Amino acid sequence: MSEPSATVAILIGTPEGARLLAASSEREAARVAELFLLRLPAKALPAPLWVQCADRALGHRITTYLADFQDERVRERDAMPVFPGRGA
């Protein structure tokens, strides 16, 4: 018997406006949000995000994972040298 799938909605704020992502599992939600965040310019991070689903623990795990993922990208961004005329 298959496990019932969760519906997860993730709202991510960007400089161009909010984007709503949806997934049917925890793994898929983390994957689509991570891919979306990778496409954002590093200077737009950390982006505000909200996770909504029926399972509170699942929502907390995804929120924590995505916050950690963004923190890592911000640390990488801040460690990169900025060359004159090239911007950040």
C-alpha atoms as a PDB file:
ATOM      1  CA  MET A   1       0.000   0.000   0.000  1.00  0.00           C
ATOM      2  CA  SER A   2       1.405   3.396  -0.909  1.00  0.00           C
ATOM      3  CA  GLU A   3       1.902   6.151   1.604  1.00  0.00           C
ATOM      4  CA  PRO A   4      -0.474   9.101   1.165  1.00  0.00           C
ATOM      5  CA  SER A   5       1.258  12.044  -0.468  1.00  0.00           C
ATOM      6  CA  ALA A   6       1.385  15.424   1.170  1.00  0.00           C
ATOM      7  CA  THR A   7       0.632  18.593  -0.651  1.00  0.00           C
ATOM      8  CA  VAL A   8       3.266  21.196   0.085  1.00  0.00           C
ATOM      9  CA  ALA A   9       3.043  24.836  -0.978  1.00  0.00           C
ATOM     10  CA  ILE A  10       6.090  27.100  -0.810  1.00  0.00           C
ATOM     11  CA  LEU A  11       5.843  30.840  -1.353  1.00  0.00           C
ATOM     12  CA  ILE A  12       9.169  32.518  -2.105  1.00  0.00           C
ATOM     13  CA  GLY A  13       9.607  36.275  -2.219  1.00  0.00           C
ATOM     14  CA  THR A  14      11.804  37.629  -5.009  1.00  0.00           C
ATOM     15  CA  PRO A  15      12.695  41.132  -6.196  1.00  0.00           C
ATOM     16  CA  GLU A  16      10.234  40.585  -9.074  1.00  0.00           C
ATOM     17  CA  GLY A  17       7.408  39.354  -6.830  1.00  0.00           C
ATOM     18  CA  ALA A  18       6.307  36.250  -4.997  1.00  0.00           C
ATOM     19  CA  ARG A  19       6.465  32.813  -6.594  1.00  0.00           C
ATOM     20  CA  LEU A  20       4.290  29.911  -5.500  1.00  0.00           C
ATOM     21  CA  LEU A  21       5.697  26.399  -5.836  1.00  0.00           C
ATOM     22  CA  ALA A  22       3.736  23.215  -5.155  1.00  0.00           C
ATOM     23  CA  ALA A  23       4.824  19.635  -4.649  1.00  0.00           C
ATOM     24  CA  SER A  24       3.292  16.330  -3.674  1.00  0.00           C
ATOM     25  CA  SER A  25       6.114  15.153  -1.405  1.00  0.00           C
ATOM     26  CA  GLU A  26       8.742  16.489   0.955  1.00  0.00           C
ATOM     27  CA  ARG A  27      11.587  15.497  -1.344  1.00  0.00           C
ATOM     28  CA  GLU A  28       9.966  17.066  -4.400  1.00  0.00           C
ATOM     29  CA  ALA A  29       9.181  20.271  -2.467  1.00  0.00           C
ATOM     30  CA  ALA A  30      12.790  20.617  -1.330  1.00  0.00           C
ATOM     31  CA  ARG A  31      14.075  19.892  -4.846  1.00  0.00           C
ATOM     32  CA  VAL A  32      11.862  22.385  -6.697  1.00  0.00           C
ATOM     33  CA  ALA A  33      12.488  25.113  -4.121  1.00  0.00           C
ATOM     34  CA  GLU A  34      16.240  24.483  -4.181  1.00  0.00           C
ATOM     35  CA  LEU A  35      16.316  24.667  -7.996  1.00  0.00           C
ATOM     36  CA  PHE A  36      14.284  27.879  -7.910  1.00  0.00           C
ATOM     37  CA  LEU A  37      16.595  29.434  -5.302  1.00  0.00           C
ATOM     38  CA  LEU A  38      19.650  28.468  -7.384  1.00  0.00           C
ATOM     39  CA  ARG A  39      18.269  30.543 -10.267  1.00  0.00           C
ATOM     40  CA  LEU A  40      17.865  33.644  -8.114  1.00  0.00           C
ATOM     41  CA  PRO A  41      20.757  36.092  -8.164  1.00  0.00           C
ATOM     42  CA  ALA A  42      22.907  35.602  -5.077  1.00  0.00           C
ATOM     43  CA  LYS A  43      22.358  39.252  -4.132  1.00  0.00           C
ATOM     44  CA  ALA A  44      18.610  38.486  -3.726  1.00  0.00           C
ATOM     45  CA  LEU A  45      19.338  35.993  -0.939  1.00  0.00           C
ATOM     46  CA  PRO A  46      18.198  35.238   1.609  1.00  0.00           C
ATOM     47  CA  ALA A  47      14.733  35.301   0.071  1.00  0.00           C
ATOM     48  CA  PRO A  48      11.762  35.219   2.419  1.00  0.00           C
ATOM     49  CA  LEU A  49       9.824  31.985   2.178  1.00  0.00           C
ATOM     50  CA  TRP A  50       6.778  30.369   3.701  1.00  0.00           C
ATOM     51  CA  VAL A  51       5.997  26.660   3.691  1.00  0.00           C
ATOM     52  CA  GLN A  52       2.459  25.425   4.135  1.00  0.00           C
ATOM     53  CA  CYS A  53       1.282  21.843   4.455  1.00  0.00           C
ATOM     54  CA  ALA A  54      -0.942  19.735   6.676  1.00  0.00           C
ATOM     55  CA  ASP A  55       2.011  18.098   8.461  1.00  0.00           C
ATOM     56  CA  ARG A  56       3.575  20.664  10.795  1.00  0.00           C
ATOM     57  CA  ALA A  57       6.813  18.662  11.273  1.00  0.00           C
ATOM     58  CA  LEU A  58       7.252  18.276   7.518  1.00  0.00           C
ATOM     59  CA  GLY A  59       6.757  22.008   7.021  1.00  0.00           C
ATOM     60  CA  HIS A  60       9.327  22.756   9.704  1.00  0.00           C
ATOM     61  CA  ARG A  61      11.882  20.377   8.132  1.00  0.00           C
ATOM     62  CA  ILE A  62      11.507  21.963   4.700  1.00  0.00           C
ATOM     63  CA  THR A  63      11.669  25.489   6.124  1.00  0.00           C
ATOM     64  CA  THR A  64      14.823  24.657   8.093  1.00  0.00           C
ATOM     65  CA  TYR A  65      16.440  22.925   5.109  1.00  0.00           C
ATOM     66  CA  LEU A  66      15.748  25.849   2.763  1.00  0.00           C
ATOM     67  CA  ALA A  67      16.960  28.408   5.320  1.00  0.00           C
ATOM     68  CA  ASP A  68      20.207  26.435   5.720  1.00  0.00           C
ATOM     69  CA  PHE A  69      20.528  26.123   1.936  1.00  0.00           C
ATOM     70  CA  GLN A  70      20.179  29.896   1.527  1.00  0.00           C
ATOM     71  CA  ASP A  71      22.613  30.561   4.389  1.00  0.00           C
ATOM     72  CA  GLU A  72      25.200  28.432   2.593  1.00  0.00           C
ATOM     73  CA  ARG A  73      24.715  30.376  -0.657  1.00  0.00           C
ATOM     74  CA  VAL A  74      24.985  33.692   1.205  1.00  0.00           C
ATOM     75  CA  ARG A  75      28.248  32.557   2.849  1.00  0.00           C
ATOM     76  CA  GLU A  76      29.593  31.544  -0.575  1.00  0.00           C
ATOM     77  CA  ARG A  77      28.491  34.878  -2.054  1.00  0.00           C
ATOM     78  CA  ASP A  78      30.093  36.874   0.740  1.00  0.00           C
ATOM     79  CA  ALA A  79      33.361  34.930   0.440  1.00  0.00           C
ATOM     80  CA  MET A  80      33.696  35.674  -3.288  1.00  0.00           C
ATOM     81  CA  PRO A  81      36.015  38.563  -4.218  1.00  0.00           C
ATOM     82  CA  VAL A  82      34.414  41.485  -6.019  1.00  0.00           C
ATOM     83  CA  PHE A  83      36.388  42.760  -8.994  1.00  0.00           C
ATOM     84  CA  PRO A  84      36.184  46.442  -9.958  1.00  0.00           C
ATOM     85  CA  GLY A  85      33.661  47.067 -12.717  1.00  0.00           C
ATOM     86  CA  ARG A  86      32.051  43.625 -12.410  1.00  0.00           C
ATOM     87  CA  GLY A  87      29.613  44.207  -9.515  1.00  0.00           C
ATOM     88  CA  ALA A  88      28.529  41.736  -6.881  1.00  0.00           C
END
